[in-house]
Amino acid sequence: MVICNCNYLTSNDIEKACEQGNNRVDAVFSCFSKRECCGQCVPEIEKYIATQSLITGLDA
C-alpha cells in the first residue's frame, strides 16, 4: 500500500526503513534519498516507527 504519494513510498518501504533502525520520520525519508513534501503521510509513518519500536524495544 502506498503511504507517501508525493515520494511513492509503500508500507513495505517504510517497514524496511524502520527495521534498519530509522526511528524518526526524516530518517525514513533519508533512507530513500527523499524529503517530506506535503506532510499527509507523517502520522502514518509515525505509526510504523512506533510499532517497530515496540517490536524491537527501542524508544521512538
N, C-alpha and C. Protein backbone atom coordinates (compact mmCIF):
# COMPACT_ATOMS: atom_id res chain seq x y z
N MET A 1 0.84 -1.17 0.00
CA MET A 1 0.00 0.00 0.00
C MET A 1 0.89 1.24 0.00
N VAL A 2 0.54 2.23 -0.81
CA VAL A 2 1.30 3.47 -0.87
C VAL A 2 0.94 4.32 0.35
N ILE A 3 1.96 4.72 1.09
CA ILE A 3 1.79 5.55 2.27
C ILE A 3 2.08 7.01 1.93
N CYS A 4 3.13 7.23 1.18
CA CYS A 4 3.51 8.59 0.78
C CYS A 4 3.31 8.73 -0.73
N ASN A 5 2.27 9.47 -1.11
CA ASN A 5 2.00 9.67 -2.53
C ASN A 5 3.03 10.58 -3.19
N CYS A 6 3.52 11.56 -2.47
CA CYS A 6 4.48 12.51 -3.04
C CYS A 6 5.77 11.81 -3.46
N ASN A 7 6.25 10.89 -2.62
CA ASN A 7 7.52 10.20 -2.87
C ASN A 7 7.34 8.74 -3.26
N TYR A 8 6.09 8.32 -3.40
CA TYR A 8 5.73 6.95 -3.71
C TYR A 8 6.49 5.95 -2.82
N LEU A 9 6.31 6.11 -1.50
CA LEU A 9 6.85 5.16 -0.54
C LEU A 9 5.73 4.25 -0.09
N THR A 10 5.99 2.95 -0.14
CA THR A 10 4.97 1.98 0.25
C THR A 10 5.14 1.57 1.71
N SER A 11 4.15 0.85 2.20
CA SER A 11 4.23 0.35 3.57
C SER A 11 5.43 -0.58 3.72
N ASN A 12 5.74 -1.36 2.70
CA ASN A 12 6.91 -2.24 2.76
C ASN A 12 8.20 -1.44 2.84
N ASP A 13 8.29 -0.35 2.08
CA ASP A 13 9.47 0.51 2.14
C ASP A 13 9.66 1.06 3.55
N ILE A 14 8.58 1.56 4.12
CA ILE A 14 8.66 2.17 5.45
C ILE A 14 8.99 1.14 6.51
N GLU A 15 8.40 -0.04 6.41
CA GLU A 15 8.72 -1.12 7.36
C GLU A 15 10.20 -1.46 7.31
N LYS A 16 10.74 -1.58 6.11
CA LYS A 16 12.17 -1.91 5.96
C LYS A 16 13.06 -0.82 6.55
N ALA A 17 12.70 0.43 6.30
CA ALA A 17 13.48 1.54 6.85
C ALA A 17 13.45 1.51 8.38
N CYS A 18 12.29 1.23 8.95
CA CYS A 18 12.17 1.16 10.41
C CYS A 18 12.96 -0.02 10.96
N GLU A 19 12.93 -1.14 10.27
CA GLU A 19 13.69 -2.32 10.71
C GLU A 19 15.19 -2.04 10.71
N GLN A 20 15.64 -1.13 9.85
CA GLN A 20 17.06 -0.77 9.78
C GLN A 20 17.45 0.25 10.84
N GLY A 21 16.50 0.59 11.72
CA GLY A 21 16.81 1.48 12.82
C GLY A 21 16.49 2.94 12.59
N ASN A 22 15.81 3.25 11.52
CA ASN A 22 15.41 4.63 11.25
C ASN A 22 14.17 4.93 12.08
N ASN A 23 14.37 5.60 13.22
CA ASN A 23 13.26 5.79 14.16
C ASN A 23 12.78 7.24 14.23
N ARG A 24 13.00 7.98 13.15
CA ARG A 24 12.46 9.34 13.01
C ARG A 24 11.94 9.47 11.58
N VAL A 25 10.91 10.28 11.41
CA VAL A 25 10.31 10.44 10.09
C VAL A 25 11.34 10.92 9.07
N ASP A 26 12.15 11.91 9.44
CA ASP A 26 13.15 12.41 8.49
C ASP A 26 14.17 11.33 8.13
N ALA A 27 14.47 10.44 9.07
CA ALA A 27 15.42 9.36 8.80
C ALA A 27 14.83 8.35 7.82
N VAL A 28 13.52 8.10 7.94
CA VAL A 28 12.85 7.19 7.00
C VAL A 28 12.95 7.77 5.59
N PHE A 29 12.65 9.05 5.43
CA PHE A 29 12.77 9.67 4.12
C PHE A 29 14.21 9.64 3.62
N SER A 30 15.15 9.94 4.47
CA SER A 30 16.57 9.96 4.09
C SER A 30 17.05 8.59 3.62
N CYS A 31 16.48 7.56 4.19
CA CYS A 31 16.84 6.19 3.81
C CYS A 31 16.64 5.97 2.30
N PHE A 32 15.69 6.70 1.72
CA PHE A 32 15.38 6.57 0.30
C PHE A 32 15.80 7.81 -0.49
N SER A 33 16.64 8.64 0.11
CA SER A 33 17.08 9.90 -0.51
C SER A 33 15.89 10.77 -0.91
N LYS A 34 14.90 10.81 -0.02
CA LYS A 34 13.69 11.60 -0.24
C LYS A 34 13.54 12.59 0.90
N ARG A 35 12.60 13.54 0.71
CA ARG A 35 12.28 14.51 1.76
C ARG A 35 10.77 14.61 1.89
N GLU A 36 10.31 14.96 3.07
CA GLU A 36 8.89 15.17 3.29
C GLU A 36 8.40 16.30 2.39
N CYS A 37 7.22 16.11 1.81
CA CYS A 37 6.65 17.15 0.95
C CYS A 37 5.42 17.77 1.61
N CYS A 38 4.25 17.16 1.44
CA CYS A 38 3.01 17.75 1.94
C CYS A 38 2.73 17.43 3.40
N GLY A 39 3.31 16.36 3.92
CA GLY A 39 3.16 16.01 5.33
C GLY A 39 1.98 15.12 5.66
N GLN A 40 1.14 14.79 4.69
CA GLN A 40 -0.03 13.96 4.98
C GLN A 40 0.34 12.55 5.43
N CYS A 41 1.47 12.07 5.04
CA CYS A 41 1.89 10.71 5.38
C CYS A 41 2.57 10.62 6.75
N VAL A 42 2.95 11.74 7.32
CA VAL A 42 3.73 11.74 8.55
C VAL A 42 3.06 10.96 9.69
N PRO A 43 1.76 11.16 9.96
CA PRO A 43 1.14 10.38 11.04
C PRO A 43 1.21 8.86 10.81
N GLU A 44 1.06 8.44 9.57
CA GLU A 44 1.12 7.01 9.27
C GLU A 44 2.55 6.49 9.43
N ILE A 45 3.53 7.24 8.99
CA ILE A 45 4.93 6.84 9.16
C ILE A 45 5.26 6.76 10.65
N GLU A 46 4.76 7.70 11.42
CA GLU A 46 4.99 7.68 12.87
C GLU A 46 4.40 6.42 13.50
N LYS A 47 3.27 5.95 12.99
CA LYS A 47 2.68 4.70 13.49
C LYS A 47 3.61 3.52 13.20
N TYR A 48 4.17 3.47 12.01
CA TYR A 48 5.11 2.40 11.67
C TYR A 48 6.33 2.45 12.57
N ILE A 49 6.84 3.64 12.83
CA ILE A 49 8.01 3.80 13.70
C ILE A 49 7.67 3.32 15.10
N ALA A 50 6.51 3.71 15.62
CA ALA A 50 6.10 3.31 16.97
C ALA A 50 5.93 1.80 17.06
N THR A 51 5.33 1.20 16.05
CA THR A 51 5.14 -0.25 16.04
C THR A 51 6.47 -0.97 16.03
N GLN A 52 7.39 -0.53 15.18
CA GLN A 52 8.71 -1.16 15.11
C GLN A 52 9.46 -0.97 16.41
N SER A 53 9.30 0.19 17.03
CA SER A 53 9.96 0.46 18.32
C SER A 53 9.46 -0.49 19.39
N LEU A 54 8.16 -0.78 19.38
CA LEU A 54 7.60 -1.73 20.34
C LEU A 54 8.16 -3.13 20.10
N ILE A 55 8.29 -3.50 18.84
CA ILE A 55 8.79 -4.83 18.49
C ILE A 55 10.25 -4.99 18.92
N THR A 56 11.04 -3.96 18.67
CA THR A 56 12.48 -4.06 18.95
C THR A 56 12.84 -3.58 20.35
N GLY A 57 11.90 -2.91 21.01
CA GLY A 57 12.17 -2.42 22.36
C GLY A 57 12.95 -1.13 22.39
N LEU A 58 12.97 -0.40 21.26
CA LEU A 58 13.68 0.88 21.18
C LEU A 58 12.72 2.01 21.47
N ASP A 59 13.25 3.13 21.92
CA ASP A 59 12.43 4.32 22.11
C ASP A 59 12.24 5.02 20.78
N ALA A 60 11.01 5.44 20.53
CA ALA A 60 10.71 6.17 19.29
C ALA A 60 11.07 7.63 19.44
